[in-house]
């Protein structure tokens, strides 16, 4: 299953590791179901989805610059179109 690598303009540091890029895999129906079961807002569920697809802790996604987060959103949307 192919995916997309997203280069971060503003790397994120979390627990001693610096994330300069994230590899997002293509989403599956099960990913959508798991994210839908998360409590919280739509944004919190989206963060849970991106965390799962990129295989990083949710804190990494939460700490991202909004410009880089937008790249994740665009990659995700691209998988669905």
C-alpha atoms as a PDB file:
ATOM      1  CA  UNK A   1       0.000   0.000   0.000  1.00  0.00           C
ATOM      2  CA  UNK A   2       1.582   3.277  -1.085  1.00  0.00           C
ATOM      3  CA  UNK A   3       1.604   6.494   0.809  1.00  0.00           C
ATOM      4  CA  UNK A   4       3.143   9.925   0.799  1.00  0.00           C
ATOM      5  CA  UNK A   5       6.117  11.475   2.573  1.00  0.00           C
ATOM      6  CA  UNK A   6       5.489  14.955   3.923  1.00  0.00           C
ATOM      7  CA  UNK A   7       8.546  17.141   4.543  1.00  0.00           C
ATOM      8  CA  UNK A   8       8.049  19.435   7.531  1.00  0.00           C
ATOM      9  CA  UNK A   9       9.250  23.007   7.186  1.00  0.00           C
ATOM     10  CA  UNK A  10       9.218  23.248  10.964  1.00  0.00           C
ATOM     11  CA  UNK A  11      10.458  19.967  12.480  1.00  0.00           C
ATOM     12  CA  UNK A  12       8.858  18.743  15.679  1.00  0.00           C
ATOM     13  CA  UNK A  13      10.855  17.490  18.656  1.00  0.00           C
ATOM     14  CA  UNK A  14       9.190  14.907  20.877  1.00  0.00           C
ATOM     15  CA  UNK A  15      10.795  12.687  23.521  1.00  0.00           C
ATOM     16  CA  UNK A  16      14.296  13.186  22.167  1.00  0.00           C
ATOM     17  CA  UNK A  17      13.407  12.519  18.533  1.00  0.00           C
ATOM     18  CA  UNK A  18      13.194  15.180  15.840  1.00  0.00           C
ATOM     19  CA  UNK A  19      10.581  14.634  13.149  1.00  0.00           C
ATOM     20  CA  UNK A  20      11.605  16.384   9.934  1.00  0.00           C
ATOM     21  CA  UNK A  21       9.262  14.395   7.752  1.00  0.00           C
ATOM     22  CA  UNK A  22       6.295  12.113   8.203  1.00  0.00           C
ATOM     23  CA  UNK A  23       5.335   9.139   6.072  1.00  0.00           C
ATOM     24  CA  UNK A  24       1.564   8.927   5.739  1.00  0.00           C
ATOM     25  CA  UNK A  25       0.118   5.649   4.535  1.00  0.00           C
ATOM     26  CA  UNK A  26      -3.144   5.378   2.623  1.00  0.00           C
ATOM     27  CA  UNK A  27      -6.158   5.223   4.958  1.00  0.00           C
ATOM     28  CA  UNK A  28      -8.353   2.158   5.314  1.00  0.00           C
ATOM     29  CA  UNK A  29     -11.973   1.909   6.415  1.00  0.00           C
ATOM     30  CA  UNK A  30     -10.818   0.527   9.769  1.00  0.00           C
ATOM     31  CA  UNK A  31      -8.792   3.694  10.368  1.00  0.00           C
ATOM     32  CA  UNK A  32     -11.895   5.805   9.823  1.00  0.00           C
ATOM     33  CA  UNK A  33     -13.907   3.625  12.211  1.00  0.00           C
ATOM     34  CA  UNK A  34     -11.220   3.821  14.902  1.00  0.00           C
ATOM     35  CA  UNK A  35     -10.965   7.616  14.600  1.00  0.00           C
ATOM     36  CA  UNK A  36     -14.748   7.929  14.695  1.00  0.00           C
ATOM     37  CA  UNK A  37     -14.822   6.109  18.052  1.00  0.00           C
ATOM     38  CA  UNK A  38     -12.498   8.734  19.563  1.00  0.00           C
ATOM     39  CA  UNK A  39     -14.182  11.215  21.837  1.00  0.00           C
ATOM     40  CA  UNK A  40     -13.732  14.917  21.314  1.00  0.00           C
ATOM     41  CA  UNK A  41     -14.029  17.391  18.496  1.00  0.00           C
ATOM     42  CA  UNK A  42     -13.654  16.783  14.779  1.00  0.00           C
ATOM     43  CA  UNK A  43     -10.132  18.198  15.001  1.00  0.00           C
ATOM     44  CA  UNK A  44      -9.208  15.764  17.790  1.00  0.00           C
ATOM     45  CA  UNK A  45     -10.494  12.862  15.704  1.00  0.00           C
ATOM     46  CA  UNK A  46      -8.531  14.140  12.702  1.00  0.00           C
ATOM     47  CA  UNK A  47      -5.370  14.324  14.818  1.00  0.00           C
ATOM     48  CA  UNK A  48      -5.986  10.732  15.949  1.00  0.00           C
ATOM     49  CA  UNK A  49      -6.378   9.671  12.311  1.00  0.00           C
ATOM     50  CA  UNK A  50      -3.205  11.441  11.167  1.00  0.00           C
ATOM     51  CA  UNK A  51      -1.278  10.059  14.134  1.00  0.00           C
ATOM     52  CA  UNK A  52      -2.334   6.539  13.185  1.00  0.00           C
ATOM     53  CA  UNK A  53      -1.606   6.985   9.468  1.00  0.00           C
ATOM     54  CA  UNK A  54       1.827   8.495  10.145  1.00  0.00           C
ATOM     55  CA  UNK A  55       2.590   6.077  13.012  1.00  0.00           C
ATOM     56  CA  UNK A  56       3.604   8.836  15.429  1.00  0.00           C
ATOM     57  CA  UNK A  57       2.243   9.781  18.854  1.00  0.00           C
ATOM     58  CA  UNK A  58      -0.665  12.273  18.723  1.00  0.00           C
ATOM     59  CA  UNK A  59       1.554  14.787  20.543  1.00  0.00           C
ATOM     60  CA  UNK A  60       3.756  15.028  17.446  1.00  0.00           C
ATOM     61  CA  UNK A  61       0.799  16.068  15.320  1.00  0.00           C
ATOM     62  CA  UNK A  62      -0.421  18.494  18.013  1.00  0.00           C
ATOM     63  CA  UNK A  63       2.971  20.216  18.107  1.00  0.00           C
ATOM     64  CA  UNK A  64       3.141  20.733  14.332  1.00  0.00           C
ATOM     65  CA  UNK A  65       3.168  24.180  12.776  1.00  0.00           C
ATOM     66  CA  UNK A  66      -0.166  24.875  11.071  1.00  0.00           C
ATOM     67  CA  UNK A  67       1.535  25.183   7.678  1.00  0.00           C
ATOM     68  CA  UNK A  68       2.869  21.632   8.034  1.00  0.00           C
ATOM     69  CA  UNK A  69      -0.434  20.382   9.442  1.00  0.00           C
ATOM     70  CA  UNK A  70      -2.127  21.702   6.323  1.00  0.00           C
ATOM     71  CA  UNK A  71       0.215  19.500   4.270  1.00  0.00           C
ATOM     72  CA  UNK A  72      -1.066  16.476   6.206  1.00  0.00           C
ATOM     73  CA  UNK A  73      -4.638  17.516   5.489  1.00  0.00           C
ATOM     74  CA  UNK A  74      -3.871  17.900   1.779  1.00  0.00           C
ATOM     75  CA  UNK A  75      -2.150  14.496   1.602  1.00  0.00           C
ATOM     76  CA  UNK A  76      -5.108  12.868   3.346  1.00  0.00           C
ATOM     77  CA  UNK A  77      -7.605  14.571   1.045  1.00  0.00           C
ATOM     78  CA  UNK A  78      -5.538  13.484  -1.934  1.00  0.00           C
ATOM     79  CA  UNK A  79      -5.895   9.845  -0.894  1.00  0.00           C
ATOM     80  CA  UNK A  80      -9.666  10.209  -0.918  1.00  0.00           C
ATOM     81  CA  UNK A  81     -10.001  11.809  -4.346  1.00  0.00           C
END
